[in-house]
């Protein structure tokens, strides 16, 4: 389930602090009011988490990590390296 960030359209609230996050299914209707104070809210554009771009594993790195490394020798034929 995605996490969405919301902010009050106007003012501040002691209950929600004026900004909050919620986990909501994609199929849920858009949230228009704060669940705590019932004031109108707008959805914020959030940052996202992505893995760091890593260099491809070398054959020796893959073997050290426990993977079986195969080399294509013909059509549909492979052999271990």
C-alpha atoms as a PDB file:
ATOM      1  CA  UNK A   1       0.000   0.000   0.000  1.00  0.00           C
ATOM      2  CA  UNK A   2       1.411   3.403  -0.933  1.00  0.00           C
ATOM      3  CA  UNK A   3       2.077   6.114   1.620  1.00  0.00           C
ATOM      4  CA  UNK A   4       0.556   9.509   0.820  1.00  0.00           C
ATOM      5  CA  UNK A   5       1.437  12.872   2.380  1.00  0.00           C
ATOM      6  CA  UNK A   6      -1.255  15.488   3.014  1.00  0.00           C
ATOM      7  CA  UNK A   7      -1.267  19.091   4.177  1.00  0.00           C
ATOM      8  CA  UNK A   8      -4.116  21.272   5.419  1.00  0.00           C
ATOM      9  CA  UNK A   9      -5.269  23.797   2.806  1.00  0.00           C
ATOM     10  CA  UNK A  10      -5.549  26.545   5.435  1.00  0.00           C
ATOM     11  CA  UNK A  11      -4.477  27.044   9.005  1.00  0.00           C
ATOM     12  CA  UNK A  12      -2.950  24.656  11.482  1.00  0.00           C
ATOM     13  CA  UNK A  13      -4.252  21.931  13.793  1.00  0.00           C
ATOM     14  CA  UNK A  14      -3.040  20.704  17.170  1.00  0.00           C
ATOM     15  CA  UNK A  15      -4.285  17.176  16.424  1.00  0.00           C
ATOM     16  CA  UNK A  16      -2.702  16.542  13.007  1.00  0.00           C
ATOM     17  CA  UNK A  17      -0.030  19.262  13.095  1.00  0.00           C
ATOM     18  CA  UNK A  18      -1.133  20.598   9.704  1.00  0.00           C
ATOM     19  CA  UNK A  19       0.613  17.796   7.809  1.00  0.00           C
ATOM     20  CA  UNK A  20       0.315  13.999   8.018  1.00  0.00           C
ATOM     21  CA  UNK A  21       0.945  10.744   6.146  1.00  0.00           C
ATOM     22  CA  UNK A  22      -1.455   7.882   5.508  1.00  0.00           C
ATOM     23  CA  UNK A  23      -1.198   4.424   3.988  1.00  0.00           C
ATOM     24  CA  UNK A  24      -4.069   4.081   1.528  1.00  0.00           C
ATOM     25  CA  UNK A  25      -4.887   1.531  -1.182  1.00  0.00           C
ATOM     26  CA  UNK A  26      -4.740   2.703  -4.792  1.00  0.00           C
ATOM     27  CA  UNK A  27      -8.448   1.928  -5.158  1.00  0.00           C
ATOM     28  CA  UNK A  28      -9.452   4.317  -2.333  1.00  0.00           C
ATOM     29  CA  UNK A  29     -11.336   7.523  -3.104  1.00  0.00           C
ATOM     30  CA  UNK A  30      -9.199  10.702  -2.952  1.00  0.00           C
ATOM     31  CA  UNK A  31      -8.927  12.111   0.559  1.00  0.00           C
ATOM     32  CA  UNK A  32     -10.528  15.562   0.809  1.00  0.00           C
ATOM     33  CA  UNK A  33     -10.578  16.140   4.584  1.00  0.00           C
ATOM     34  CA  UNK A  34      -8.268  15.361   7.492  1.00  0.00           C
ATOM     35  CA  UNK A  35      -9.472  12.279   9.399  1.00  0.00           C
ATOM     36  CA  UNK A  36      -8.640  13.988  12.732  1.00  0.00           C
ATOM     37  CA  UNK A  37      -9.854  17.596  12.368  1.00  0.00           C
ATOM     38  CA  UNK A  38     -12.097  17.293   9.252  1.00  0.00           C
ATOM     39  CA  UNK A  39     -10.517  20.355   7.584  1.00  0.00           C
ATOM     40  CA  UNK A  40      -9.859  20.341   3.793  1.00  0.00           C
ATOM     41  CA  UNK A  41      -6.502  18.862   2.734  1.00  0.00           C
ATOM     42  CA  UNK A  42      -4.380  18.662  -0.390  1.00  0.00           C
ATOM     43  CA  UNK A  43      -2.082  15.830  -1.386  1.00  0.00           C
ATOM     44  CA  UNK A  44       1.630  16.685  -1.500  1.00  0.00           C
ATOM     45  CA  UNK A  45       4.099  15.453  -4.072  1.00  0.00           C
ATOM     46  CA  UNK A  46       6.459  13.208  -2.165  1.00  0.00           C
ATOM     47  CA  UNK A  47       9.950  11.953  -2.731  1.00  0.00           C
ATOM     48  CA  UNK A  48      10.459   8.284  -3.404  1.00  0.00           C
ATOM     49  CA  UNK A  49      13.013   5.710  -2.403  1.00  0.00           C
ATOM     50  CA  UNK A  50      15.021   3.942  -5.075  1.00  0.00           C
ATOM     51  CA  UNK A  51      18.089   1.756  -4.814  1.00  0.00           C
ATOM     52  CA  UNK A  52      21.440   3.265  -5.634  1.00  0.00           C
ATOM     53  CA  UNK A  53      22.684   2.610  -9.130  1.00  0.00           C
ATOM     54  CA  UNK A  54      25.302  -0.075  -8.804  1.00  0.00           C
ATOM     55  CA  UNK A  55      27.837  -1.402 -11.258  1.00  0.00           C
ATOM     56  CA  UNK A  56      27.007  -4.808 -12.766  1.00  0.00           C
ATOM     57  CA  UNK A  57      28.450  -7.813 -10.954  1.00  0.00           C
ATOM     58  CA  UNK A  58      31.542  -9.358 -12.472  1.00  0.00           C
ATOM     59  CA  UNK A  59      31.738 -13.135 -12.921  1.00  0.00           C
ATOM     60  CA  UNK A  60      34.025 -13.472  -9.898  1.00  0.00           C
ATOM     61  CA  UNK A  61      31.711 -11.277  -7.745  1.00  0.00           C
ATOM     62  CA  UNK A  62      28.694 -13.369  -8.777  1.00  0.00           C
ATOM     63  CA  UNK A  63      30.524 -16.607  -7.889  1.00  0.00           C
ATOM     64  CA  UNK A  64      31.571 -15.196  -4.505  1.00  0.00           C
ATOM     65  CA  UNK A  65      27.930 -14.279  -3.838  1.00  0.00           C
ATOM     66  CA  UNK A  66      26.898 -17.898  -4.465  1.00  0.00           C
ATOM     67  CA  UNK A  67      25.418 -17.592  -7.950  1.00  0.00           C
ATOM     68  CA  UNK A  68      25.958 -20.183 -10.670  1.00  0.00           C
ATOM     69  CA  UNK A  69      27.430 -18.433 -13.705  1.00  0.00           C
ATOM     70  CA  UNK A  70      26.612 -19.886 -17.110  1.00  0.00           C
ATOM     71  CA  UNK A  71      28.075 -19.104 -20.519  1.00  0.00           C
ATOM     72  CA  UNK A  72      26.103 -19.585 -23.737  1.00  0.00           C
ATOM     73  CA  UNK A  73      27.916 -21.994 -26.068  1.00  0.00           C
ATOM     74  CA  UNK A  74      25.207 -22.613 -28.654  1.00  0.00           C
ATOM     75  CA  UNK A  75      21.534 -22.303 -29.360  1.00  0.00           C
ATOM     76  CA  UNK A  76      19.908 -23.309 -26.063  1.00  0.00           C
ATOM     77  CA  UNK A  77      23.207 -24.724 -24.727  1.00  0.00           C
ATOM     78  CA  UNK A  78      25.038 -23.359 -21.721  1.00  0.00           C
ATOM     79  CA  UNK A  79      28.043 -24.456 -19.692  1.00  0.00           C
ATOM     80  CA  UNK A  80      29.264 -23.495 -16.241  1.00  0.00           C
ATOM     81  CA  UNK A  81      32.076 -21.029 -15.991  1.00  0.00           C
END
